[in-house]
Amino acid sequence: MQRPQTLRRPREGHRFAAFSWSSFVACVPVLLSGCLAFVGPADRDTGVRDLVKARALWNTNGVADYEVVMRKDCFCIGGGERFLYTVRSNAVTSVVRLSTGAVDSLMAATTSAAPIELAFDLLDRAVEHGAAHLEVSYDNQWGFPRMLSIDFSTGVADDEIDLHLESFTALSR
């Protein structure tokens, strides 16, 4: 009978001694599967062009009133929860926590930007500051970012954010 493997406390000065080499090798494909969308200067230029093109499409569509479900995965208020945002004249008018179906007045009060503008603003900031990791996909019809994943700095804890926008409905054009 094989003894179960237990994690040992790392020896002084050996930060990762509890991890085996085989565990590390097994994790490499997982770590590499989320590689940067912007790997080098050419990729960054392409990413910037895609961002400009997507924002132009969004602006051309002229949607000021819409509903969208947004989930933010971050170290922040409402992180991991799905919320239905109603936006009128580019301002948030209602936020409903989908897990309860109740209006979330705290989230509405602390929301400074409409979800789609927030996503574009985060992308602008990530590009401007040279984020360590940036991955994004855009809606082909409307141009807004459907998914974005940003790690502003690999050396800073809790600065990462993943944003997912789904179930978009234009209320007027």
Protein backbone atom coordinates (compact mmCIF):
# COMPACT_ATOMS: atom_id res chain seq x y z
CA MET A 1 0.00 0.00 0.00
CA GLN A 2 1.35 3.40 -0.99
CA ARG A 3 1.59 6.10 1.66
CA PRO A 4 -0.39 9.27 0.89
CA GLN A 5 1.80 12.19 -0.02
CA THR A 6 1.75 14.99 2.52
CA LEU A 7 2.87 18.55 2.15
CA ARG A 8 5.89 19.26 4.28
CA ARG A 9 6.72 22.60 5.70
CA PRO A 10 9.40 24.19 3.48
CA ARG A 11 12.89 24.42 4.90
CA GLU A 12 14.17 27.87 5.76
CA GLY A 13 15.21 29.66 2.58
CA HIS A 14 13.43 27.17 0.30
CA ARG A 15 10.15 28.86 -0.50
CA PHE A 16 8.69 26.18 -2.76
CA ALA A 17 10.19 23.06 -1.21
CA ALA A 18 6.71 21.58 -0.63
CA PHE A 19 6.08 21.38 -4.39
CA SER A 20 7.48 18.41 -6.22
CA TRP A 21 9.16 18.73 -9.61
CA SER A 22 6.43 16.57 -11.19
CA SER A 23 3.76 18.96 -9.84
CA PHE A 24 5.59 21.87 -11.42
CA VAL A 25 5.92 20.10 -14.78
CA ALA A 26 2.22 19.17 -14.69
CA CYS A 27 1.28 22.83 -14.12
CA VAL A 28 3.36 24.26 -16.98
CA PRO A 29 0.76 23.58 -19.74
CA VAL A 30 -1.94 25.17 -17.59
CA LEU A 31 0.21 28.24 -16.97
CA LEU A 32 1.13 28.57 -20.63
CA SER A 33 -2.44 28.15 -21.88
CA GLY A 34 -3.25 31.68 -20.69
CA CYS A 35 -0.31 33.29 -22.44
CA LEU A 36 -0.33 36.98 -23.11
CA ALA A 37 -2.41 38.32 -25.92
CA PHE A 38 0.29 40.99 -26.24
CA VAL A 39 3.58 39.11 -26.36
CA GLY A 40 5.76 41.53 -28.30
CA PRO A 41 5.62 44.94 -29.97
CA ALA A 42 3.83 43.61 -33.07
CA ASP A 43 1.20 41.89 -30.91
CA ARG A 44 0.78 45.05 -28.84
CA ASP A 45 0.29 47.13 -32.01
CA THR A 46 -2.30 44.64 -33.26
CA GLY A 47 -4.03 44.71 -29.88
CA VAL A 48 -4.15 48.51 -29.89
CA ARG A 49 -5.56 48.50 -33.44
CA ASP A 50 -8.20 45.96 -32.39
CA LEU A 51 -9.13 48.12 -29.39
CA VAL A 52 -9.44 51.27 -31.52
CA LYS A 53 -11.51 49.39 -34.12
CA ALA A 54 -13.81 47.87 -31.48
CA ARG A 55 -14.37 51.21 -29.73
CA ALA A 56 -15.13 52.85 -33.09
CA LEU A 57 -17.72 50.13 -33.83
CA TRP A 58 -19.28 50.61 -30.39
CA ASN A 59 -19.40 54.41 -30.86
CA THR A 60 -20.81 54.05 -34.40
CA ASN A 61 -23.62 51.85 -33.08
CA GLY A 62 -24.56 54.75 -30.78
CA VAL A 63 -26.12 52.68 -28.01
CA ALA A 64 -26.77 54.84 -24.95
CA ASP A 65 -29.50 52.67 -23.41
CA TYR A 66 -28.85 48.98 -22.79
CA GLU A 67 -28.92 46.08 -20.38
CA VAL A 68 -25.98 43.78 -19.84
CA VAL A 69 -24.98 41.11 -17.35
CA MET A 70 -21.51 41.70 -15.93
CA ARG A 71 -19.33 39.53 -13.72
CA LYS A 72 -16.08 40.90 -12.30
CA ASP A 73 -13.56 38.45 -10.94
CA CYS A 74 -11.37 40.58 -8.73
CA PHE A 75 -10.51 41.53 -5.17
CA CYS A 76 -13.35 44.08 -5.09
CA ILE A 77 -16.96 44.71 -4.05
CA GLY A 78 -19.19 42.17 -5.77
CA GLY A 79 -16.26 40.14 -7.09
CA GLY A 80 -17.42 36.85 -8.60
CA GLU A 81 -21.12 37.80 -8.61
CA ARG A 82 -23.27 38.34 -11.72
CA PHE A 83 -25.19 41.62 -11.92
CA LEU A 84 -27.73 42.89 -14.43
CA TYR A 85 -26.98 46.53 -15.23
CA THR A 86 -29.55 48.82 -16.82
CA VAL A 87 -27.96 51.83 -18.49
CA ARG A 88 -29.89 54.91 -19.69
CA SER A 89 -28.14 57.83 -21.41
CA ASN A 90 -24.80 56.13 -20.63
CA ALA A 91 -25.47 56.19 -16.87
CA VAL A 92 -26.25 53.20 -14.65
CA THR A 93 -29.87 53.42 -13.49
CA SER A 94 -30.28 49.98 -11.91
CA VAL A 95 -28.15 47.08 -10.71
CA VAL A 96 -29.76 43.72 -9.89
CA ARG A 97 -27.82 40.95 -8.14
CA LEU A 98 -28.82 37.90 -10.18
CA SER A 99 -28.22 35.41 -7.35
CA THR A 100 -31.01 37.03 -5.31
CA GLY A 101 -33.00 38.95 -7.92
CA ALA A 102 -32.84 41.99 -5.66
CA VAL A 103 -31.80 45.51 -6.59
CA ASP A 104 -28.32 46.13 -5.19
CA SER A 105 -28.27 49.76 -4.09
CA LEU A 106 -24.68 49.53 -2.77
CA MET A 107 -23.39 48.32 -6.13
CA ALA A 108 -25.40 51.00 -7.95
CA ALA A 109 -24.03 53.70 -5.62
CA THR A 110 -20.42 52.57 -6.02
CA THR A 111 -20.54 52.14 -9.80
CA SER A 112 -18.77 55.09 -11.38
CA ALA A 113 -19.10 54.07 -15.04
CA ALA A 114 -21.47 52.09 -17.23
CA PRO A 115 -20.18 48.51 -17.68
CA ILE A 116 -19.10 48.85 -21.30
CA GLU A 117 -17.32 52.16 -20.71
CA LEU A 118 -15.68 50.59 -17.66
CA ALA A 119 -14.39 47.74 -19.84
CA PHE A 120 -13.00 50.13 -22.46
CA ASP A 121 -11.44 52.32 -19.73
CA LEU A 122 -9.75 49.29 -18.14
CA LEU A 123 -8.38 48.27 -21.54
CA ASP A 124 -7.09 51.79 -22.20
CA ARG A 125 -5.37 51.81 -18.81
CA ALA A 126 -3.88 48.34 -19.35
CA VAL A 127 -2.42 49.32 -22.74
CA GLU A 128 -1.21 52.73 -21.50
CA HIS A 129 0.58 51.24 -18.48
CA GLY A 130 1.92 48.15 -20.27
CA ALA A 131 0.00 45.51 -18.30
CA ALA A 132 1.90 42.29 -17.68
CA HIS A 133 -1.04 40.24 -19.00
CA LEU A 134 -3.87 41.38 -21.24
CA GLU A 135 -6.37 39.16 -22.99
CA VAL A 136 -9.58 40.42 -24.59
CA SER A 137 -12.35 39.33 -26.94
CA TYR A 138 -14.86 41.68 -28.57
CA ASP A 139 -18.48 41.36 -29.65
CA ASN A 140 -18.49 41.19 -33.46
CA GLN A 141 -21.81 43.01 -33.90
CA TRP A 142 -21.60 45.77 -31.28
CA GLY A 143 -17.84 46.12 -30.69
CA PHE A 144 -17.79 46.07 -26.88
CA PRO A 145 -15.35 43.85 -24.95
CA ARG A 146 -17.14 40.59 -24.08
CA MET A 147 -14.28 39.27 -21.96
CA LEU A 148 -11.11 40.82 -20.67
CA SER A 149 -8.43 39.55 -18.35
CA ILE A 150 -5.81 41.95 -17.01
CA ASP A 151 -2.88 41.59 -14.63
CA PHE A 152 -1.37 45.04 -14.36
CA SER A 153 1.81 43.81 -12.64
CA THR A 154 3.01 40.27 -11.94
CA GLY A 155 4.75 41.47 -8.78
CA VAL A 156 1.64 42.97 -7.18
CA ALA A 157 -1.03 40.90 -5.42
CA ASP A 158 -4.74 41.45 -6.06
CA ASP A 159 -4.38 43.89 -8.98
CA GLU A 160 -5.82 41.35 -11.44
CA ILE A 161 -9.29 41.70 -12.92
CA ASP A 162 -11.36 39.52 -15.21
CA LEU A 163 -14.51 41.05 -16.65
CA HIS A 164 -17.25 39.13 -18.46
CA LEU A 165 -20.08 40.92 -20.26
CA GLU A 166 -22.96 38.77 -21.51
CA SER A 167 -26.67 38.89 -22.38
CA PHE A 168 -26.36 42.34 -23.97
CA THR A 169 -29.62 43.98 -25.09
CA ALA A 170 -29.75 47.38 -26.79
CA LEU A 171 -32.79 49.24 -25.46
CA SER A 172 -32.51 52.06 -28.00
CA ARG A 173 -30.15 53.40 -30.65
